[in-house]
N, C-alpha and C. Protein backbone atom coordinates (compact mmCIF):
# COMPACT_ATOMS: atom_id res chain seq x y z
N MET A 1 101.24 101.53 107.11
CA MET A 1 102.43 101.60 107.95
C MET A 1 102.72 103.07 108.26
N ASN A 2 102.86 103.43 109.56
CA ASN A 2 103.04 104.82 109.89
C ASN A 2 104.46 105.29 109.59
N ILE A 3 104.62 106.62 109.60
CA ILE A 3 105.88 107.22 109.17
C ILE A 3 107.02 106.85 110.10
N MET A 4 106.79 106.89 111.41
CA MET A 4 107.86 106.61 112.36
C MET A 4 108.36 105.17 112.20
N LYS A 5 107.46 104.24 111.92
CA LYS A 5 107.87 102.86 111.75
C LYS A 5 108.74 102.71 110.52
N ARG A 6 108.39 103.39 109.42
CA ARG A 6 109.18 103.30 108.20
C ARG A 6 110.55 103.96 108.38
N ILE A 7 110.59 105.11 109.06
CA ILE A 7 111.86 105.77 109.33
C ILE A 7 112.76 104.87 110.17
N THR A 8 112.16 104.18 111.15
CA THR A 8 112.93 103.26 111.99
C THR A 8 113.51 102.13 111.15
N GLN A 9 112.75 101.60 110.21
CA GLN A 9 113.24 100.53 109.34
C GLN A 9 114.43 100.99 108.51
N ILE A 10 114.33 102.20 107.95
CA ILE A 10 115.43 102.73 107.14
C ILE A 10 116.67 102.93 108.01
N ALA A 11 116.47 103.45 109.22
CA ALA A 11 117.59 103.67 110.13
C ALA A 11 118.28 102.35 110.48
N ILE A 12 117.49 101.29 110.66
CA ILE A 12 118.07 99.97 110.96
C ILE A 12 118.89 99.47 109.78
N ILE A 13 118.38 99.66 108.56
CA ILE A 13 119.11 99.23 107.36
C ILE A 13 120.45 99.94 107.27
N VAL A 14 120.43 101.27 107.47
CA VAL A 14 121.67 102.05 107.41
C VAL A 14 122.63 101.60 108.51
N ALA A 15 122.11 101.33 109.72
CA ALA A 15 122.95 100.87 110.82
C ALA A 15 123.61 99.53 110.50
N ILE A 16 122.85 98.63 109.87
CA ILE A 16 123.40 97.33 109.48
C ILE A 16 124.53 97.51 108.47
N ILE A 17 124.34 98.44 107.53
CA ILE A 17 125.37 98.71 106.53
C ILE A 17 126.66 99.18 107.20
N PHE A 18 126.54 100.11 108.13
CA PHE A 18 127.72 100.61 108.83
C PHE A 18 128.38 99.51 109.66
N ALA A 19 127.56 98.70 110.31
CA ALA A 19 128.11 97.61 111.13
C ALA A 19 128.85 96.60 110.27
N ALA A 20 128.31 96.35 109.08
CA ALA A 20 128.93 95.36 108.19
C ALA A 20 130.24 95.85 107.60
N THR A 21 130.37 97.18 107.49
CA THR A 21 131.58 97.72 106.85
C THR A 21 132.61 98.23 107.85
N SER A 22 132.21 98.45 109.09
CA SER A 22 133.13 99.03 110.07
C SER A 22 134.30 98.10 110.40
N SER A 23 134.06 96.79 110.31
CA SER A 23 135.11 95.83 110.64
C SER A 23 135.91 95.38 109.43
N THR A 24 135.64 95.98 108.28
CA THR A 24 136.36 95.65 107.05
C THR A 24 137.20 96.84 106.61
N GLN A 25 137.88 96.67 105.49
CA GLN A 25 138.66 97.76 104.93
C GLN A 25 137.84 98.54 103.90
N ALA A 26 136.60 98.83 104.26
CA ALA A 26 135.71 99.54 103.35
C ALA A 26 136.16 100.98 103.18
N GLN A 27 136.00 101.48 101.97
CA GLN A 27 136.31 102.87 101.67
C GLN A 27 135.02 103.66 101.59
N VAL A 28 134.92 104.71 102.40
CA VAL A 28 133.70 105.52 102.46
C VAL A 28 133.98 106.89 101.85
N ARG A 29 133.12 107.29 100.90
CA ARG A 29 133.24 108.61 100.29
C ARG A 29 131.89 109.31 100.33
N PHE A 30 131.95 110.64 100.37
CA PHE A 30 130.73 111.43 100.37
C PHE A 30 130.73 112.35 99.15
N GLY A 31 129.52 112.77 98.77
CA GLY A 31 129.42 113.63 97.61
C GLY A 31 128.13 114.44 97.60
N ILE A 32 128.05 115.37 96.67
CA ILE A 32 126.83 116.14 96.44
C ILE A 32 126.27 115.73 95.08
N LYS A 33 124.95 115.68 95.00
CA LYS A 33 124.31 115.14 93.80
C LYS A 33 123.14 116.03 93.39
N GLY A 34 122.92 116.15 92.11
CA GLY A 34 121.78 116.88 91.58
C GLY A 34 121.43 116.40 90.19
N GLY A 35 120.18 116.62 89.78
CA GLY A 35 119.80 116.18 88.45
C GLY A 35 118.34 116.43 88.14
N ILE A 36 117.86 115.80 87.07
CA ILE A 36 116.49 115.98 86.61
C ILE A 36 115.75 114.65 86.68
N THR A 37 114.43 114.74 86.77
CA THR A 37 113.58 113.56 86.75
C THR A 37 112.54 113.70 85.64
N LEU A 38 112.13 112.57 85.12
CA LEU A 38 111.07 112.53 84.11
C LEU A 38 110.08 111.47 84.55
N ASN A 39 108.89 111.90 84.94
CA ASN A 39 107.94 111.01 85.60
C ASN A 39 106.69 110.78 84.75
N GLN A 40 106.20 109.54 84.77
CA GLN A 40 104.91 109.21 84.16
C GLN A 40 104.18 108.25 85.08
N LEU A 41 102.96 108.62 85.47
CA LEU A 41 102.17 107.75 86.32
C LEU A 41 101.54 106.62 85.51
N LYS A 42 101.58 105.42 86.06
CA LYS A 42 100.97 104.25 85.42
C LYS A 42 99.70 103.90 86.18
N TRP A 43 98.55 104.24 85.59
CA TRP A 43 97.26 103.99 86.23
C TRP A 43 96.74 102.61 85.85
N ASP A 44 95.94 102.01 86.74
CA ASP A 44 95.46 100.66 86.46
C ASP A 44 94.29 100.63 85.50
N ARG A 45 93.65 101.76 85.23
CA ARG A 45 92.59 101.81 84.22
C ARG A 45 92.13 103.24 83.97
N GLU A 46 91.63 103.49 82.80
CA GLU A 46 90.86 104.66 82.39
C GLU A 46 91.58 106.01 82.41
N ILE A 47 92.43 106.26 83.37
CA ILE A 47 93.08 107.56 83.42
C ILE A 47 94.27 107.57 82.46
N VAL A 48 94.43 108.70 81.76
CA VAL A 48 95.50 108.83 80.78
C VAL A 48 96.40 109.99 81.16
N ASN A 49 97.71 109.77 81.10
CA ASN A 49 98.64 110.87 81.30
C ASN A 49 98.73 111.69 80.03
N LYS A 50 98.71 113.00 80.18
CA LYS A 50 98.82 113.85 79.00
C LYS A 50 100.24 113.82 78.45
N GLU A 51 101.21 113.90 79.34
CA GLU A 51 102.60 113.89 78.90
C GLU A 51 103.50 113.67 80.10
N ASN A 52 104.74 113.27 79.81
CA ASN A 52 105.74 113.20 80.87
C ASN A 52 106.11 114.62 81.29
N ARG A 53 106.37 114.79 82.56
CA ARG A 53 106.76 116.10 83.05
C ARG A 53 108.11 116.02 83.76
N ALA A 54 108.91 117.04 83.59
CA ALA A 54 110.23 117.07 84.19
C ALA A 54 110.18 117.68 85.58
N GLY A 55 111.00 117.11 86.49
CA GLY A 55 111.19 117.67 87.81
C GLY A 55 112.68 117.73 88.11
N PHE A 56 113.03 117.82 89.38
CA PHE A 56 114.45 117.88 89.72
C PHE A 56 114.69 117.24 91.07
N THR A 57 115.97 116.95 91.34
CA THR A 57 116.35 116.34 92.60
C THR A 57 117.74 116.84 92.99
N ALA A 58 118.01 116.92 94.30
CA ALA A 58 119.31 117.38 94.77
C ALA A 58 119.51 116.95 96.21
N GLY A 59 120.79 116.70 96.58
CA GLY A 59 121.06 116.32 97.95
C GLY A 59 122.45 115.76 98.13
N LEU A 60 122.61 114.89 99.13
CA LEU A 60 123.90 114.32 99.50
C LEU A 60 123.90 112.82 99.26
N MET A 61 125.09 112.27 99.03
CA MET A 61 125.21 110.83 98.83
C MET A 61 126.43 110.29 99.58
N MET A 62 126.40 109.00 99.85
CA MET A 62 127.52 108.31 100.48
C MET A 62 127.76 107.02 99.70
N GLU A 63 129.02 106.77 99.38
CA GLU A 63 129.40 105.55 98.67
C GLU A 63 130.34 104.74 99.55
N ILE A 64 130.00 103.48 99.76
CA ILE A 64 130.82 102.58 100.56
C ILE A 64 131.39 101.52 99.64
N GLY A 65 132.71 101.55 99.46
CA GLY A 65 133.38 100.54 98.64
C GLY A 65 133.74 99.33 99.49
N LEU A 66 133.22 98.17 99.14
CA LEU A 66 133.46 96.95 99.90
C LEU A 66 134.76 96.28 99.46
N PRO A 67 135.30 95.36 100.30
CA PRO A 67 136.56 94.69 99.94
C PRO A 67 136.50 93.91 98.64
N VAL A 68 135.30 93.43 98.26
CA VAL A 68 135.17 92.74 96.98
C VAL A 68 135.40 93.76 95.86
N VAL A 69 136.30 93.47 94.97
CA VAL A 69 136.70 94.44 93.94
C VAL A 69 135.50 94.89 93.11
N GLY A 70 135.30 96.20 93.07
CA GLY A 70 134.24 96.78 92.25
C GLY A 70 132.89 96.88 92.92
N LEU A 71 132.67 96.17 94.03
CA LEU A 71 131.35 96.13 94.67
C LEU A 71 131.24 97.20 95.75
N GLY A 72 130.09 97.84 95.83
CA GLY A 72 129.89 98.87 96.84
C GLY A 72 128.42 99.12 97.11
N ILE A 73 128.17 100.05 98.02
CA ILE A 73 126.82 100.45 98.39
C ILE A 73 126.71 101.96 98.22
N ASP A 74 125.62 102.40 97.63
CA ASP A 74 125.39 103.80 97.33
C ASP A 74 124.10 104.25 98.03
N VAL A 75 124.21 105.18 98.97
CA VAL A 75 123.05 105.68 99.72
C VAL A 75 122.96 107.19 99.52
N SER A 76 121.76 107.69 99.21
CA SER A 76 121.57 109.13 99.03
C SER A 76 120.39 109.61 99.86
N VAL A 77 120.45 110.88 100.26
CA VAL A 77 119.33 111.57 100.89
C VAL A 77 119.07 112.80 100.03
N LEU A 78 117.92 112.81 99.35
CA LEU A 78 117.66 113.81 98.32
C LEU A 78 116.32 114.51 98.53
N TYR A 79 116.26 115.77 98.12
CA TYR A 79 114.98 116.44 97.93
C TYR A 79 114.58 116.22 96.48
N ALA A 80 113.36 115.75 96.25
CA ALA A 80 112.90 115.45 94.89
C ALA A 80 111.57 116.13 94.61
N HIS A 81 111.49 116.84 93.49
CA HIS A 81 110.25 117.49 93.05
C HIS A 81 109.75 116.79 91.80
N ARG A 82 108.52 116.27 91.84
CA ARG A 82 107.95 115.55 90.71
C ARG A 82 106.69 116.26 90.22
N GLN A 83 106.46 116.20 88.89
CA GLN A 83 105.28 116.81 88.29
C GLN A 83 104.62 115.82 87.33
N ASP A 84 103.30 115.91 87.23
CA ASP A 84 102.54 115.06 86.32
C ASP A 84 101.32 115.82 85.81
N ASP A 85 100.89 115.50 84.58
CA ASP A 85 99.62 115.95 84.04
C ASP A 85 98.77 114.73 83.75
N MET A 86 97.47 114.77 84.09
CA MET A 86 96.61 113.63 83.80
C MET A 86 95.17 114.12 83.62
N TYR A 87 94.37 113.27 82.96
CA TYR A 87 92.94 113.54 82.81
C TYR A 87 92.22 112.21 82.72
N LEU A 88 90.90 112.24 82.86
CA LEU A 88 90.10 111.03 82.84
C LEU A 88 89.61 110.78 81.42
N GLU A 89 89.96 109.63 80.86
CA GLU A 89 89.61 109.30 79.48
C GLU A 89 88.10 109.23 79.31
N GLY A 90 87.60 109.78 78.18
CA GLY A 90 86.17 109.71 77.88
C GLY A 90 85.35 110.80 78.52
N THR A 91 85.98 111.78 79.17
CA THR A 91 85.25 112.89 79.77
C THR A 91 85.86 114.20 79.29
N ASN A 92 85.16 115.29 79.59
CA ASN A 92 85.67 116.61 79.26
C ASN A 92 86.36 117.26 80.45
N GLN A 93 86.76 116.44 81.39
CA GLN A 93 87.39 116.94 82.60
C GLN A 93 88.70 117.65 82.26
N GLU A 94 88.93 118.78 82.93
CA GLU A 94 90.15 119.54 82.69
C GLU A 94 91.38 118.74 83.15
N ILE A 95 92.51 119.09 82.57
CA ILE A 95 93.76 118.44 82.93
C ILE A 95 94.11 118.76 84.38
N ILE A 96 94.45 117.74 85.13
CA ILE A 96 94.86 117.92 86.52
C ILE A 96 96.38 117.97 86.57
N LYS A 97 96.91 119.04 87.12
CA LYS A 97 98.35 119.18 87.26
C LYS A 97 98.75 118.79 88.67
N LEU A 98 99.65 117.82 88.77
CA LEU A 98 100.07 117.30 90.06
C LEU A 98 101.51 117.72 90.34
N LYS A 99 101.74 118.23 91.54
CA LYS A 99 103.09 118.59 91.97
C LYS A 99 103.34 117.97 93.33
N ARG A 100 104.49 117.27 93.45
CA ARG A 100 104.81 116.56 94.70
C ARG A 100 106.26 116.80 95.09
N ASP A 101 106.48 116.93 96.39
CA ASP A 101 107.83 117.08 96.93
C ASP A 101 108.10 115.93 97.89
N TYR A 102 109.28 115.30 97.74
CA TYR A 102 109.62 114.13 98.54
C TYR A 102 110.99 114.28 99.20
N LEU A 103 111.14 113.60 100.34
CA LEU A 103 112.45 113.25 100.86
C LEU A 103 112.73 111.86 100.32
N ASP A 104 113.70 111.77 99.43
CA ASP A 104 113.94 110.55 98.66
C ASP A 104 115.22 109.88 99.16
N ILE A 105 115.13 108.57 99.49
CA ILE A 105 116.27 107.83 100.02
C ILE A 105 116.49 106.56 99.19
N PRO A 106 117.27 106.66 98.10
CA PRO A 106 117.63 105.46 97.34
C PRO A 106 118.78 104.72 98.00
N LEU A 107 118.68 103.40 98.04
CA LEU A 107 119.71 102.55 98.65
C LEU A 107 120.10 101.49 97.62
N ASN A 108 121.23 101.69 96.94
CA ASN A 108 121.61 100.85 95.82
C ASN A 108 122.88 100.04 96.08
N VAL A 109 122.90 98.83 95.54
CA VAL A 109 124.14 98.09 95.39
C VAL A 109 124.77 98.55 94.08
N LYS A 110 126.07 98.85 94.13
CA LYS A 110 126.77 99.38 92.95
C LYS A 110 127.94 98.48 92.60
N TYR A 111 128.07 98.19 91.30
CA TYR A 111 129.21 97.41 90.84
C TYR A 111 129.95 98.20 89.77
N LYS A 112 131.21 98.53 90.05
CA LYS A 112 132.05 99.25 89.10
C LYS A 112 132.86 98.27 88.27
N ILE A 113 132.87 98.49 86.98
CA ILE A 113 133.63 97.65 86.06
C ILE A 113 135.05 98.20 85.95
N GLN A 114 135.99 97.42 86.44
CA GLN A 114 137.38 97.86 86.45
C GLN A 114 138.04 97.58 85.09
N ILE A 115 138.46 98.65 84.42
CA ILE A 115 139.12 98.53 83.12
C ILE A 115 140.60 98.84 83.30
N PRO A 116 141.49 97.90 83.04
CA PRO A 116 142.92 98.16 83.19
C PRO A 116 143.34 99.42 82.43
N VAL A 117 144.20 100.20 83.06
CA VAL A 117 144.76 101.44 82.50
C VAL A 117 143.73 102.58 82.51
N LEU A 118 142.48 102.30 82.07
CA LEU A 118 141.48 103.35 81.94
C LEU A 118 140.73 103.67 83.23
N SER A 119 140.89 102.84 84.27
CA SER A 119 140.08 103.00 85.48
C SER A 119 140.30 104.34 86.18
N LYS A 120 141.48 104.96 85.99
CA LYS A 120 141.72 106.27 86.60
C LYS A 120 140.99 107.38 85.85
N ILE A 121 140.59 107.06 84.63
CA ILE A 121 139.89 108.06 83.80
C ILE A 121 138.39 107.81 83.80
N ILE A 122 137.98 106.56 83.57
CA ILE A 122 136.56 106.24 83.52
C ILE A 122 136.31 104.83 84.07
N SER A 123 135.28 104.72 84.89
CA SER A 123 134.86 103.42 85.44
C SER A 123 133.35 103.29 85.29
N PRO A 124 132.87 102.51 84.31
CA PRO A 124 131.43 102.29 84.19
C PRO A 124 130.90 101.54 85.41
N PHE A 125 129.62 101.72 85.73
CA PHE A 125 129.02 100.98 86.83
C PHE A 125 127.55 100.72 86.58
N VAL A 126 127.03 99.74 87.29
CA VAL A 126 125.61 99.42 87.27
C VAL A 126 125.10 99.45 88.71
N THR A 127 123.82 99.77 88.89
CA THR A 127 123.24 99.87 90.23
C THR A 127 121.85 99.23 90.26
N THR A 128 121.45 98.80 91.45
CA THR A 128 120.08 98.34 91.66
C THR A 128 119.78 98.34 93.16
N GLY A 129 118.52 98.59 93.50
CA GLY A 129 118.15 98.59 94.90
C GLY A 129 116.84 99.33 95.14
N PRO A 130 116.35 99.32 96.38
CA PRO A 130 115.08 99.97 96.71
C PRO A 130 115.22 101.47 96.88
N ASP A 131 114.09 102.15 96.75
CA ASP A 131 114.02 103.59 96.93
C ASP A 131 112.83 103.90 97.84
N PHE A 132 113.08 104.66 98.91
CA PHE A 132 112.02 105.02 99.86
C PHE A 132 111.79 106.53 99.77
N ALA A 133 110.55 106.94 99.48
CA ALA A 133 110.24 108.35 99.30
C ALA A 133 109.15 108.78 100.28
N LEU A 134 109.47 109.76 101.13
CA LEU A 134 108.53 110.32 102.09
C LEU A 134 108.00 111.63 101.54
N MET A 135 106.68 111.74 101.36
CA MET A 135 106.10 112.95 100.81
C MET A 135 106.19 114.11 101.79
N LEU A 136 106.68 115.25 101.31
CA LEU A 136 106.76 116.46 102.11
C LEU A 136 105.57 117.38 101.85
N SER A 137 105.15 117.46 100.59
CA SER A 137 103.99 118.27 100.23
C SER A 137 103.48 117.81 98.87
N ASP A 138 102.21 118.13 98.57
CA ASP A 138 101.64 117.76 97.28
C ASP A 138 100.53 118.72 96.90
N THR A 139 100.09 118.64 95.64
CA THR A 139 98.98 119.44 95.16
C THR A 139 97.68 118.91 95.77
N GLU A 140 96.94 119.78 96.42
CA GLU A 140 95.70 119.35 97.07
C GLU A 140 94.57 119.24 96.04
N LYS A 141 94.05 118.04 95.87
CA LYS A 141 92.93 117.78 94.98
C LYS A 141 91.88 116.99 95.74
N VAL A 142 90.63 117.45 95.67
CA VAL A 142 89.56 116.81 96.43
C VAL A 142 89.38 115.35 96.04
N ASP A 143 89.46 115.06 94.74
CA ASP A 143 89.18 113.72 94.24
C ASP A 143 90.41 112.82 94.17
N LEU A 144 91.55 113.33 94.60
CA LEU A 144 92.80 112.60 94.45
C LEU A 144 93.48 112.44 95.81
N LYS A 145 93.71 111.19 96.19
CA LYS A 145 94.36 110.90 97.46
C LYS A 145 95.78 110.40 97.19
N THR A 146 96.75 110.98 97.88
CA THR A 146 98.14 110.61 97.67
C THR A 146 98.66 109.78 98.84
N ARG A 147 99.57 108.88 98.53
CA ARG A 147 100.19 108.04 99.55
C ARG A 147 101.40 108.77 100.13
N LYS A 148 101.49 108.82 101.44
CA LYS A 148 102.58 109.56 102.09
C LYS A 148 103.93 108.87 101.92
N TRP A 149 103.92 107.55 101.81
CA TRP A 149 105.14 106.79 101.54
C TRP A 149 105.03 106.13 100.18
N ASN A 150 106.09 106.21 99.42
CA ASN A 150 106.11 105.60 98.09
C ASN A 150 107.41 104.81 97.96
N THR A 151 107.29 103.53 97.63
CA THR A 151 108.46 102.67 97.50
C THR A 151 108.60 102.19 96.06
N SER A 152 109.83 102.21 95.55
CA SER A 152 110.08 101.75 94.19
C SER A 152 111.37 100.94 94.16
N TRP A 153 111.63 100.33 92.99
CA TRP A 153 112.87 99.57 92.81
C TRP A 153 113.65 100.19 91.66
N ASN A 154 114.93 100.49 91.91
CA ASN A 154 115.77 101.18 90.93
C ASN A 154 116.69 100.23 90.18
N VAL A 155 116.90 100.52 88.90
CA VAL A 155 117.96 99.91 88.11
C VAL A 155 118.62 101.03 87.32
N GLY A 156 119.96 101.01 87.25
CA GLY A 156 120.61 102.12 86.58
C GLY A 156 122.00 101.78 86.05
N ILE A 157 122.50 102.67 85.23
CA ILE A 157 123.86 102.57 84.69
C ILE A 157 124.51 103.94 84.80
N GLY A 158 125.84 103.94 84.83
CA GLY A 158 126.53 105.22 84.91
C GLY A 158 128.02 105.04 84.71
N ALA A 159 128.73 106.12 84.97
CA ALA A 159 130.18 106.10 84.83
C ALA A 159 130.80 107.10 85.80
N GLU A 160 131.95 106.73 86.35
CA GLU A 160 132.72 107.64 87.19
C GLU A 160 133.90 108.16 86.39
N LEU A 161 134.07 109.48 86.37
CA LEU A 161 135.12 110.12 85.59
C LEU A 161 136.19 110.69 86.52
N PHE A 162 137.42 110.32 86.27
CA PHE A 162 138.57 110.83 87.03
C PHE A 162 138.42 110.60 88.54
N ARG A 163 137.64 109.60 88.89
CA ARG A 163 137.41 109.21 90.29
C ARG A 163 136.79 110.32 91.13
N LYS A 164 136.14 111.27 90.46
CA LYS A 164 135.54 112.40 91.16
C LYS A 164 134.09 112.66 90.76
N ILE A 165 133.78 112.52 89.48
CA ILE A 165 132.46 112.87 88.96
C ILE A 165 131.72 111.60 88.54
N GLN A 166 130.49 111.46 89.02
CA GLN A 166 129.67 110.31 88.66
C GLN A 166 128.41 110.76 87.91
N ILE A 167 128.23 110.22 86.72
CA ILE A 167 127.04 110.46 85.91
C ILE A 167 126.19 109.20 85.98
N HIS A 168 124.91 109.35 86.30
CA HIS A 168 124.08 108.18 86.57
C HIS A 168 122.69 108.35 85.94
N ALA A 169 122.26 107.35 85.18
CA ALA A 169 120.89 107.29 84.64
C ALA A 169 120.17 106.15 85.32
N ASN A 170 119.00 106.43 85.89
CA ASN A 170 118.31 105.45 86.72
C ASN A 170 116.83 105.39 86.37
N TYR A 171 116.29 104.17 86.37
CA TYR A 171 114.86 103.99 86.14
C TYR A 171 114.22 103.39 87.39
N GLY A 172 113.21 104.06 87.92
CA GLY A 172 112.52 103.60 89.12
C GLY A 172 111.17 103.01 88.79
N ILE A 173 110.94 101.79 89.25
CA ILE A 173 109.69 101.07 89.01
C ILE A 173 108.87 101.09 90.30
N GLY A 174 107.72 101.74 90.28
CA GLY A 174 106.91 101.87 91.48
C GLY A 174 106.43 100.52 92.00
N LEU A 175 106.63 100.27 93.28
CA LEU A 175 106.16 99.04 93.92
C LEU A 175 104.87 99.26 94.69
N THR A 176 104.64 100.48 95.14
CA THR A 176 103.42 100.81 95.88
C THR A 176 102.60 101.82 95.10
N LYS A 177 101.32 101.89 95.41
CA LYS A 177 100.44 102.85 94.75
C LYS A 177 100.76 104.27 95.23
N ALA A 178 100.99 105.17 94.29
CA ALA A 178 101.31 106.55 94.64
C ALA A 178 100.05 107.40 94.78
N PHE A 179 99.01 107.06 93.99
CA PHE A 179 97.78 107.85 93.96
C PHE A 179 96.55 106.96 93.97
N LYS A 180 95.47 107.53 94.47
CA LYS A 180 94.16 106.89 94.37
C LYS A 180 93.16 107.96 93.94
N TYR A 181 92.53 107.75 92.77
CA TYR A 181 91.55 108.70 92.26
C TYR A 181 90.15 108.21 92.64
N ILE A 182 89.39 109.05 93.34
CA ILE A 182 88.06 108.65 93.83
C ILE A 182 86.99 109.65 93.38
N GLY A 183 87.18 110.24 92.19
CA GLY A 183 86.26 111.25 91.69
C GLY A 183 84.88 110.69 91.36
N LYS A 184 83.94 111.58 91.09
CA LYS A 184 82.56 111.20 90.81
C LYS A 184 82.44 110.43 89.50
N ASP A 185 83.46 110.52 88.62
CA ASP A 185 83.43 109.80 87.35
C ASP A 185 83.76 108.32 87.51
N VAL A 186 84.21 107.93 88.70
CA VAL A 186 84.56 106.53 88.95
C VAL A 186 83.33 105.78 89.42
N ASP A 187 83.01 104.68 88.75
CA ASP A 187 81.77 103.94 89.04
C ASP A 187 81.90 103.06 90.28
N SER A 188 82.99 102.38 90.44
CA SER A 188 83.10 101.41 91.53
C SER A 188 84.41 101.58 92.30
N GLU A 189 85.39 100.73 91.97
CA GLU A 189 86.66 100.78 92.68
C GLU A 189 87.47 102.02 92.29
N PRO A 190 88.20 102.60 93.25
CA PRO A 190 89.07 103.74 92.94
C PRO A 190 90.11 103.37 91.89
N ILE A 191 90.52 104.35 91.11
CA ILE A 191 91.57 104.15 90.13
C ILE A 191 92.90 104.48 90.79
N GLN A 192 93.85 103.55 90.74
CA GLN A 192 95.11 103.74 91.43
C GLN A 192 96.27 103.81 90.45
N GLY A 193 97.32 104.53 90.83
CA GLY A 193 98.45 104.72 89.94
C GLY A 193 99.79 104.57 90.64
N LYS A 194 100.80 104.11 89.87
CA LYS A 194 102.17 103.97 90.36
C LYS A 194 103.10 104.88 89.56
N ASP A 195 104.21 105.24 90.19
CA ASP A 195 105.21 106.05 89.52
C ASP A 195 106.09 105.20 88.61
N LYS A 196 106.42 105.75 87.44
CA LYS A 196 107.45 105.22 86.55
C LYS A 196 108.38 106.39 86.29
N LEU A 197 109.61 106.30 86.79
CA LEU A 197 110.44 107.50 86.91
C LEU A 197 111.85 107.31 86.37
N TRP A 198 112.23 108.18 85.43
CA TRP A 198 113.62 108.28 84.99
C TRP A 198 114.31 109.40 85.76
N THR A 199 115.53 109.14 86.21
CA THR A 199 116.32 110.15 86.91
C THR A 199 117.72 110.17 86.31
N ILE A 200 118.19 111.35 85.97
CA ILE A 200 119.56 111.52 85.47
C ILE A 200 120.27 112.50 86.40
N THR A 201 121.37 112.06 87.01
CA THR A 201 122.05 112.88 88.00
C THR A 201 123.55 112.97 87.72
N ALA A 202 124.15 114.00 88.29
CA ALA A 202 125.61 114.14 88.31
C ALA A 202 126.01 114.37 89.76
N ALA A 203 127.09 113.72 90.19
CA ALA A 203 127.56 113.85 91.57
C ALA A 203 129.05 114.16 91.57
N TYR A 204 129.44 114.97 92.56
CA TYR A 204 130.86 115.24 92.76
C TYR A 204 131.29 114.60 94.06
N MET A 205 132.28 113.72 94.01
CA MET A 205 132.71 112.95 95.18
C MET A 205 133.94 113.61 95.82
N PHE A 206 133.92 113.67 97.15
CA PHE A 206 135.04 114.26 97.89
C PHE A 206 136.02 113.18 98.34
């Protein structure tokens, strides 16, 4: 699927969200977000990750509170930097260091748990939804092919403090193959890998 087609799909989804909320008493808030990522690639065979590597993410977010109490939509546009170390099991091949930069667009349904009296101080929430990542740049490796679009599914928990600060821990499960290894050590089919990603962020809402 080409890039323009995927961008068009995301734009349609965002347009539908706005159309669905424009005729309601939805509350829209904007914020800035930043945090760290911890990534581990899950390969389908033979390749072993040396260790999890930390990266970072930063950007803007929009929260749409729907008329249903506690229910909302959380959309972010983020720059995300991911790092990985890997090597081929059973060989003396040197460790390959992978660095990737993405335009990351998570689109989550958010449910805030309303606690009487305490809701002005703290409101726990849970989130889930798809994540669309467009690669901006990556480490060039002859034997390693990267996918320009990477899609995952997010599940997360967090809390809003004083109705201004949101702390969020999120786990992303890769739905599409992020990498394809086609090195000379591979006998037949390419070895493919998916992202498994933890993200911890803090956001300030205006």
